[in-house]
């Protein structure tokens, strides 16, 4: 399989767009939840919040990947 430069550039562009959309989406989800997720996970060592945040991140990533893939 030969990878050409336009295919590589498109892949990098879609990856960058996906990462940016994921970051914005996770920030919005963090603002919608009560309290600060990072403080609860890191300072309070709340495993339940970590599991919920991880599930939200996975769900958001799957949605973004499906939207980009088409």
C-alpha atoms as a PDB file:
ATOM      1  CA  UNK A   1       0.000   0.000   0.000  1.00  0.00           C
ATOM      2  CA  UNK A   2       1.413   3.325  -1.058  1.00  0.00           C
ATOM      3  CA  UNK A   3       0.708   6.338   1.121  1.00  0.00           C
ATOM      4  CA  UNK A   4       0.736   9.572  -0.769  1.00  0.00           C
ATOM      5  CA  UNK A   5       1.290  13.006   0.680  1.00  0.00           C
ATOM      6  CA  UNK A   6      -2.337  14.248   0.246  1.00  0.00           C
ATOM      7  CA  UNK A   7      -3.664  11.175   2.084  1.00  0.00           C
ATOM      8  CA  UNK A   8      -1.201  11.751   4.918  1.00  0.00           C
ATOM      9  CA  UNK A   9      -2.120  15.442   5.155  1.00  0.00           C
ATOM     10  CA  UNK A  10      -5.846  14.605   5.192  1.00  0.00           C
ATOM     11  CA  UNK A  11      -5.314  12.050   7.943  1.00  0.00           C
ATOM     12  CA  UNK A  12      -3.363  14.520  10.060  1.00  0.00           C
ATOM     13  CA  UNK A  13      -5.961  17.231   9.452  1.00  0.00           C
ATOM     14  CA  UNK A  14      -8.869  14.986  10.444  1.00  0.00           C
ATOM     15  CA  UNK A  15      -6.937  13.819  13.511  1.00  0.00           C
ATOM     16  CA  UNK A  16      -6.277  17.403  14.585  1.00  0.00           C
ATOM     17  CA  UNK A  17      -9.922  18.373  14.055  1.00  0.00           C
ATOM     18  CA  UNK A  18     -11.055  15.326  16.038  1.00  0.00           C
ATOM     19  CA  UNK A  19      -8.716  16.110  18.942  1.00  0.00           C
ATOM     20  CA  UNK A  20      -9.837  19.749  19.031  1.00  0.00           C
ATOM     21  CA  UNK A  21     -13.534  18.810  18.930  1.00  0.00           C
ATOM     22  CA  UNK A  22     -12.940  16.193  21.633  1.00  0.00           C
ATOM     23  CA  UNK A  23     -11.215  18.745  23.873  1.00  0.00           C
ATOM     24  CA  UNK A  24     -14.018  21.269  23.443  1.00  0.00           C
ATOM     25  CA  UNK A  25     -16.667  18.599  23.996  1.00  0.00           C
ATOM     26  CA  UNK A  26     -15.020  17.308  27.148  1.00  0.00           C
ATOM     27  CA  UNK A  27     -14.661  20.855  28.456  1.00  0.00           C
ATOM     28  CA  UNK A  28     -18.404  21.404  27.877  1.00  0.00           C
ATOM     29  CA  UNK A  29     -19.233  18.136  29.653  1.00  0.00           C
ATOM     30  CA  UNK A  30     -16.982  19.182  32.552  1.00  0.00           C
ATOM     31  CA  UNK A  31     -18.890  22.463  32.836  1.00  0.00           C
ATOM     32  CA  UNK A  32     -22.278  20.703  32.722  1.00  0.00           C
ATOM     33  CA  UNK A  33     -21.456  18.372  35.608  1.00  0.00           C
ATOM     34  CA  UNK A  34     -21.638  19.640  39.174  1.00  0.00           C
ATOM     35  CA  UNK A  35     -18.228  20.364  40.692  1.00  0.00           C
ATOM     36  CA  UNK A  36     -14.834  20.098  39.064  1.00  0.00           C
ATOM     37  CA  UNK A  37     -14.015  16.692  37.588  1.00  0.00           C
ATOM     38  CA  UNK A  38     -10.241  17.007  37.926  1.00  0.00           C
ATOM     39  CA  UNK A  39     -10.432  18.102  41.582  1.00  0.00           C
ATOM     40  CA  UNK A  40     -12.758  15.214  42.416  1.00  0.00           C
ATOM     41  CA  UNK A  41     -10.571  12.666  40.623  1.00  0.00           C
ATOM     42  CA  UNK A  42      -7.149  13.902  41.692  1.00  0.00           C
ATOM     43  CA  UNK A  43      -7.634  15.564  45.063  1.00  0.00           C
ATOM     44  CA  UNK A  44     -10.596  13.594  46.471  1.00  0.00           C
ATOM     45  CA  UNK A  45      -9.539  10.282  44.806  1.00  0.00           C
ATOM     46  CA  UNK A  46     -13.149   9.661  43.762  1.00  0.00           C
ATOM     47  CA  UNK A  47     -13.046   6.515  41.612  1.00  0.00           C
ATOM     48  CA  UNK A  48     -16.732   6.737  40.694  1.00  0.00           C
ATOM     49  CA  UNK A  49     -16.255  10.164  39.132  1.00  0.00           C
ATOM     50  CA  UNK A  50     -13.194   8.865  37.277  1.00  0.00           C
ATOM     51  CA  UNK A  51     -15.233   6.010  35.812  1.00  0.00           C
ATOM     52  CA  UNK A  52     -18.015   8.372  34.730  1.00  0.00           C
ATOM     53  CA  UNK A  53     -15.504  10.816  33.200  1.00  0.00           C
ATOM     54  CA  UNK A  54     -13.822   7.963  31.340  1.00  0.00           C
ATOM     55  CA  UNK A  55     -17.151   6.706  30.034  1.00  0.00           C
ATOM     56  CA  UNK A  56     -18.058  10.225  28.885  1.00  0.00           C
ATOM     57  CA  UNK A  57     -14.682  10.531  27.146  1.00  0.00           C
ATOM     58  CA  UNK A  58     -15.096   7.185  25.369  1.00  0.00           C
ATOM     59  CA  UNK A  59     -18.641   7.987  24.294  1.00  0.00           C
ATOM     60  CA  UNK A  60     -17.622  11.396  22.996  1.00  0.00           C
ATOM     61  CA  UNK A  61     -14.662   9.907  21.127  1.00  0.00           C
ATOM     62  CA  UNK A  62     -16.871   7.282  19.466  1.00  0.00           C
ATOM     63  CA  UNK A  63     -19.358   9.946  18.359  1.00  0.00           C
ATOM     64  CA  UNK A  64     -16.602  12.175  16.947  1.00  0.00           C
ATOM     65  CA  UNK A  65     -14.952   9.251  15.150  1.00  0.00           C
ATOM     66  CA  UNK A  66     -18.260   8.228  13.584  1.00  0.00           C
ATOM     67  CA  UNK A  67     -18.967  11.810  12.507  1.00  0.00           C
ATOM     68  CA  UNK A  68     -15.538  12.190  10.909  1.00  0.00           C
ATOM     69  CA  UNK A  69     -15.562   8.760   9.277  1.00  0.00           C
ATOM     70  CA  UNK A  70     -18.989   9.321   7.770  1.00  0.00           C
END
